C-alpha cells in the first residue's frame, strides 16, 4: 500500500511520481534519457492515462522532466542552485487548463545580430544568431507572440526543430538547461501588425515580457513575449 507521510493512502498519481523520481535518483534514468511513454506507463502501473499525465505534468513543473510534444519525455539536467525562478512552457500551461495548444511559425532564420540583439545575447554585433517569430494559440485563440533570438553557438540545431510539435522553451530546456533568468515586465501598446496577429483592437492593452535565460556562463536566448492584456495574468507564488 502506498501511503502519504500522514499515513493516509496517497493519490495514484503520487505513486507514479515517486517511482519516476526514485528511478532518476538511483541513476536508472540519467539526464537526457527518454523515459517510457504515457502509454507505456499506463500499462506498467495500470492507472488511467489522466493519472499518468498528471504525474508527468507535475514532475515537469518541478523541473525533474522535460516534455517535448510529439517527441517524448526526458530526464532534465539538474538545475543549478542559482536559478531565480521557474519558467514553464506555454504549451504545458495551456495543457494544465485542459485546453489545446497550437503554434504558428512565422519566421525561423539565421541572421546577423544587430546592435540590440547583440546586447541582449552578450555577443558582438554581426555575430551569427538564430531568430524565430511565432504565435501561440489556446483553443484557436491567439494568446502570445513569441519573438526570440538565440545564441547559435550554444544551440546549433535550433533551426532544425519542429516548433509546431514542441516549443522553443522545451527544446532549449533540454539542450541548455536554465541556470539563471531575467524578466522585465511592462505594459505596452501593440503595433498594427501585432494587433492583427493577436486579433485585438488597436487600443487594447498588452503585456510584454522581455526574458533572457542563461545556461552556466552563456546567455542562451532573449525572448520578447507579447500577450493581450485581457487574455493573460501574471501570477507568482513566494515563500519565505
Protein backbone atom coordinates (compact mmCIF):
# COMPACT_ATOMS: atom_id res chain seq x y z
CA UNK A 1 0.00 0.00 0.00
CA UNK A 2 1.39 3.38 -0.97
CA UNK A 3 0.78 5.99 1.74
CA UNK A 4 1.46 9.67 2.21
CA UNK A 5 3.54 10.98 5.08
CA UNK A 6 0.39 11.42 7.12
CA UNK A 7 -0.30 7.69 6.81
CA UNK A 8 -3.37 8.13 4.59
CA UNK A 9 -3.42 6.44 1.18
CA UNK A 10 -1.85 8.78 -1.37
CA UNK A 11 -3.40 9.51 -4.77
CA UNK A 12 -2.32 7.19 -7.58
CA UNK A 13 -0.52 9.98 -9.44
CA UNK A 14 1.74 10.43 -6.41
CA UNK A 15 2.78 6.78 -6.68
CA UNK A 16 3.73 7.32 -10.33
CA UNK A 17 5.68 10.44 -9.37
CA UNK A 18 7.55 8.63 -6.60
CA UNK A 19 8.56 5.70 -8.79
CA UNK A 20 9.83 8.01 -11.55
CA UNK A 21 11.65 10.21 -9.02
CA UNK A 22 13.23 7.16 -7.36
CA UNK A 23 14.43 5.83 -10.73
CA UNK A 24 16.05 9.17 -11.54
CA UNK A 25 17.63 9.48 -8.07
CA UNK A 26 19.01 5.93 -8.37
CA UNK A 27 20.53 6.64 -11.81
CA UNK A 28 18.25 4.17 -13.62
CA UNK A 29 17.32 7.13 -15.84
CA UNK A 30 20.02 9.74 -16.30
CA UNK A 31 19.81 13.35 -17.59
CA UNK A 32 18.61 13.48 -21.23
CA UNK A 33 17.38 9.83 -21.10
CA UNK A 34 13.93 9.29 -22.60
CA UNK A 35 11.54 7.71 -20.09
CA UNK A 36 8.69 5.36 -21.10
CA UNK A 37 5.77 6.91 -22.98
CA UNK A 38 2.45 7.72 -21.34
CA UNK A 39 1.00 4.57 -22.88
CA UNK A 40 3.92 2.54 -21.52
CA UNK A 41 3.45 3.96 -18.02
CA UNK A 42 -0.29 3.32 -18.18
CA UNK A 43 0.45 -0.32 -19.00
CA UNK A 44 3.11 -0.53 -16.26
CA UNK A 45 1.02 0.92 -13.44
CA UNK A 46 -2.48 0.00 -14.55
CA UNK A 47 -3.70 3.55 -13.85
CA UNK A 48 -5.65 5.82 -16.18
CA UNK A 49 -3.93 7.97 -18.78
CA UNK A 50 -5.21 11.06 -16.92
CA UNK A 51 -3.44 9.89 -13.75
CA UNK A 52 -0.14 9.29 -15.55
CA UNK A 53 -0.44 12.59 -17.44
CA UNK A 54 -0.88 14.49 -14.17
CA UNK A 55 2.20 12.83 -12.68
CA UNK A 56 4.32 13.72 -15.71
CA UNK A 57 2.96 17.28 -15.81
CA UNK A 58 3.76 17.87 -12.13
CA UNK A 59 7.27 16.40 -12.46
CA UNK A 60 7.81 18.70 -15.44
CA UNK A 61 6.63 21.70 -13.41
CA UNK A 62 9.03 20.65 -10.63
CA UNK A 63 11.93 20.61 -13.10
CA UNK A 64 12.62 16.86 -13.00
CA UNK A 65 11.40 16.13 -16.53
CA UNK A 66 11.29 17.90 -19.90
CA UNK A 67 8.39 17.08 -22.25
CA UNK A 68 8.75 17.62 -25.99
CA UNK A 69 5.38 17.35 -27.68
CA UNK A 70 5.43 14.69 -30.38
CA UNK A 71 8.93 13.56 -29.35
CA UNK A 72 8.79 12.21 -25.80
CA UNK A 73 9.58 12.87 -22.15
CA UNK A 74 13.18 13.20 -20.99
CA UNK A 75 15.03 13.46 -17.69
CA UNK A 76 16.01 17.09 -17.15
CA UNK A 77 19.53 18.22 -16.44
CA UNK A 78 19.80 19.02 -12.70
CA UNK A 79 19.21 22.73 -12.18
CA UNK A 80 21.84 24.95 -10.63
CA UNK A 81 21.13 26.40 -7.24
CA UNK A 82 21.37 29.90 -8.72
CA UNK A 83 18.13 29.56 -10.70
CA UNK A 84 16.00 32.55 -9.77
CA UNK A 85 12.54 31.42 -10.83
CA UNK A 86 10.62 28.73 -12.66
CA UNK A 87 9.77 29.24 -16.31
CA UNK A 88 7.20 26.94 -17.85
CA UNK A 89 6.38 26.14 -21.45
CA UNK A 90 3.26 27.91 -22.67
CA UNK A 91 2.13 24.58 -24.14
CA UNK A 92 2.26 22.99 -20.68
CA UNK A 93 0.46 25.95 -19.11
CA UNK A 94 -2.33 25.61 -21.66
CA UNK A 95 -2.48 21.82 -21.24
CA UNK A 96 -2.80 22.25 -17.47
CA UNK A 97 -6.07 24.09 -18.13
CA UNK A 98 -7.23 21.14 -20.25
CA UNK A 99 -7.11 23.36 -23.33
CA UNK A 100 -5.49 22.80 -26.74
CA UNK A 101 -2.25 24.50 -27.74
CA UNK A 102 -1.00 25.04 -31.25
CA UNK A 103 1.76 27.18 -32.70
CA UNK A 104 2.07 29.03 -36.00
CA UNK A 105 5.69 29.62 -37.01
CA UNK A 106 6.05 32.88 -38.92
CA UNK A 107 9.86 33.05 -39.14
CA UNK A 108 12.76 30.72 -38.44
CA UNK A 109 16.05 32.01 -39.79
CA UNK A 110 19.76 32.51 -39.40
CA UNK A 111 20.78 36.16 -39.28
CA UNK A 112 23.46 38.52 -38.01
CA UNK A 113 22.93 40.22 -34.66
CA UNK A 114 22.06 43.89 -34.84
CA UNK A 115 23.07 46.21 -32.01
CA UNK A 116 20.03 45.43 -29.82
CA UNK A 117 20.21 41.67 -30.37
CA UNK A 118 23.97 41.64 -29.71
CA UNK A 119 23.49 43.46 -26.41
CA UNK A 120 20.67 41.12 -25.38
CA UNK A 121 22.71 37.98 -26.10
CA UNK A 122 26.05 39.33 -24.89
CA UNK A 123 27.75 38.80 -28.26
CA UNK A 124 29.48 41.07 -30.76
CA UNK A 125 27.36 42.92 -33.32
CA UNK A 126 27.31 40.93 -36.56
CA UNK A 127 27.62 37.55 -34.78
CA UNK A 128 25.65 34.71 -36.37
CA UNK A 129 22.45 34.10 -34.38
CA UNK A 130 19.07 32.45 -34.89
CA UNK A 131 15.78 34.35 -34.94
CA UNK A 132 12.28 32.92 -34.60
CA UNK A 133 8.85 34.51 -34.62
CA UNK A 134 5.69 32.56 -33.79
CA UNK A 135 2.17 32.90 -32.45
CA UNK A 136 0.83 30.57 -29.75
CA UNK A 137 -2.88 29.73 -29.68
CA UNK A 138 -5.11 28.46 -26.89
CA UNK A 139 -8.22 26.75 -28.29
CA UNK A 140 -7.51 28.55 -31.59
CA UNK A 141 -7.40 31.98 -29.91
CA UNK A 142 -4.01 33.77 -30.19
CA UNK A 143 -2.59 34.38 -26.71
CA UNK A 144 1.11 35.10 -27.26
CA UNK A 145 3.53 36.42 -29.86
CA UNK A 146 6.99 34.98 -29.23
CA UNK A 147 9.88 36.87 -30.85
CA UNK A 148 13.13 35.14 -29.88
CA UNK A 149 16.81 35.42 -30.73
CA UNK A 150 19.10 32.51 -29.83
CA UNK A 151 22.83 32.11 -29.39
CA UNK A 152 23.71 29.90 -32.37
CA UNK A 153 26.98 28.72 -30.81
CA UNK A 154 25.22 27.37 -27.71
CA UNK A 155 22.23 25.81 -29.55
CA UNK A 156 23.49 24.91 -33.05
CA UNK A 157 20.48 22.76 -34.07
CA UNK A 158 17.80 25.33 -33.13
CA UNK A 159 16.61 25.82 -36.72
CA UNK A 160 16.18 22.08 -37.32
CA UNK A 161 13.38 21.62 -34.75
CA UNK A 162 9.64 21.38 -35.49
CA UNK A 163 8.09 24.07 -33.30
CA UNK A 164 4.59 23.00 -34.22
CA UNK A 165 5.33 19.79 -32.29
CA UNK A 166 7.34 21.27 -29.41
CA UNK A 167 8.15 24.77 -28.13
CA UNK A 168 11.43 26.69 -28.14
CA UNK A 169 11.32 26.76 -24.34
CA UNK A 170 11.02 22.96 -24.11
CA UNK A 171 13.82 22.37 -26.61
CA UNK A 172 16.17 24.92 -25.04
CA UNK A 173 15.49 23.47 -21.58
CA UNK A 174 16.69 20.10 -22.82
CA UNK A 175 19.79 21.30 -24.70
CA UNK A 176 20.90 24.19 -22.48
CA UNK A 177 19.21 23.86 -19.07
CA UNK A 178 18.34 27.12 -17.34
CA UNK A 179 20.66 28.25 -14.53
CA UNK A 180 19.76 31.95 -14.45
CA UNK A 181 17.00 34.13 -15.80
CA UNK A 182 15.88 37.71 -16.11
CA UNK A 183 12.34 39.07 -16.57
CA UNK A 184 11.31 42.61 -17.46
CA UNK A 185 7.53 43.09 -17.46
CA UNK A 186 5.87 46.17 -18.92
CA UNK A 187 2.55 47.39 -20.29
CA UNK A 188 2.78 48.38 -23.95
CA UNK A 189 0.73 49.32 -26.97
CA UNK A 190 0.90 46.74 -29.74
CA UNK A 191 1.78 47.67 -33.30
CA UNK A 192 -0.82 47.38 -36.04
CA UNK A 193 0.75 44.09 -37.20
CA UNK A 194 0.79 42.69 -33.66
CA UNK A 195 -2.87 43.63 -33.23
CA UNK A 196 -3.64 41.74 -36.43
CA UNK A 197 -1.77 38.63 -35.25
CA UNK A 198 -3.43 38.70 -31.81
CA UNK A 199 -6.90 39.50 -33.17
CA UNK A 200 -7.27 42.55 -30.94
CA UNK A 201 -8.30 46.16 -31.48
CA UNK A 202 -5.70 48.89 -31.83
CA UNK A 203 -6.06 50.41 -28.35
CA UNK A 204 -6.37 47.20 -26.32
CA UNK A 205 -3.64 46.99 -23.63
CA UNK A 206 -0.91 44.37 -23.92
CA UNK A 207 1.62 42.90 -21.52
CA UNK A 208 5.19 42.41 -22.70
CA UNK A 209 7.75 40.18 -21.00
CA UNK A 210 11.38 40.53 -22.01
CA UNK A 211 13.08 37.30 -20.93
CA UNK A 212 16.77 36.41 -21.01
CA UNK A 213 17.99 32.99 -19.96
CA UNK A 214 21.45 31.70 -19.14
CA UNK A 215 22.94 28.21 -19.09
CA UNK A 216 26.11 28.24 -16.98
CA UNK A 217 28.02 31.33 -18.20
CA UNK A 218 26.29 31.74 -21.58
CA UNK A 219 23.20 33.73 -22.47
CA UNK A 220 21.12 31.21 -24.41
CA UNK A 221 18.24 33.33 -25.67
CA UNK A 222 16.38 36.59 -25.45
CA UNK A 223 12.62 36.40 -25.95
CA UNK A 224 10.10 39.17 -26.40
CA UNK A 225 6.70 37.74 -25.36
CA UNK A 226 3.60 39.81 -26.08
CA UNK A 227 0.23 38.94 -24.53
CA UNK A 228 -3.21 40.57 -24.95
CA UNK A 229 -3.93 42.09 -21.55
CA UNK A 230 -7.42 40.61 -21.45
CA UNK A 231 -6.11 37.06 -22.04
CA UNK A 232 -3.16 36.84 -19.68
CA UNK A 233 -2.50 37.13 -15.97
CA UNK A 234 0.94 37.21 -14.39
CA UNK A 235 0.97 35.17 -11.20
CA UNK A 236 3.70 34.28 -8.74
CA UNK A 237 3.94 32.29 -5.52
CA UNK A 238 6.60 33.04 -2.93
CA UNK A 239 7.60 31.53 0.41
CA UNK A 240 9.95 32.94 2.99
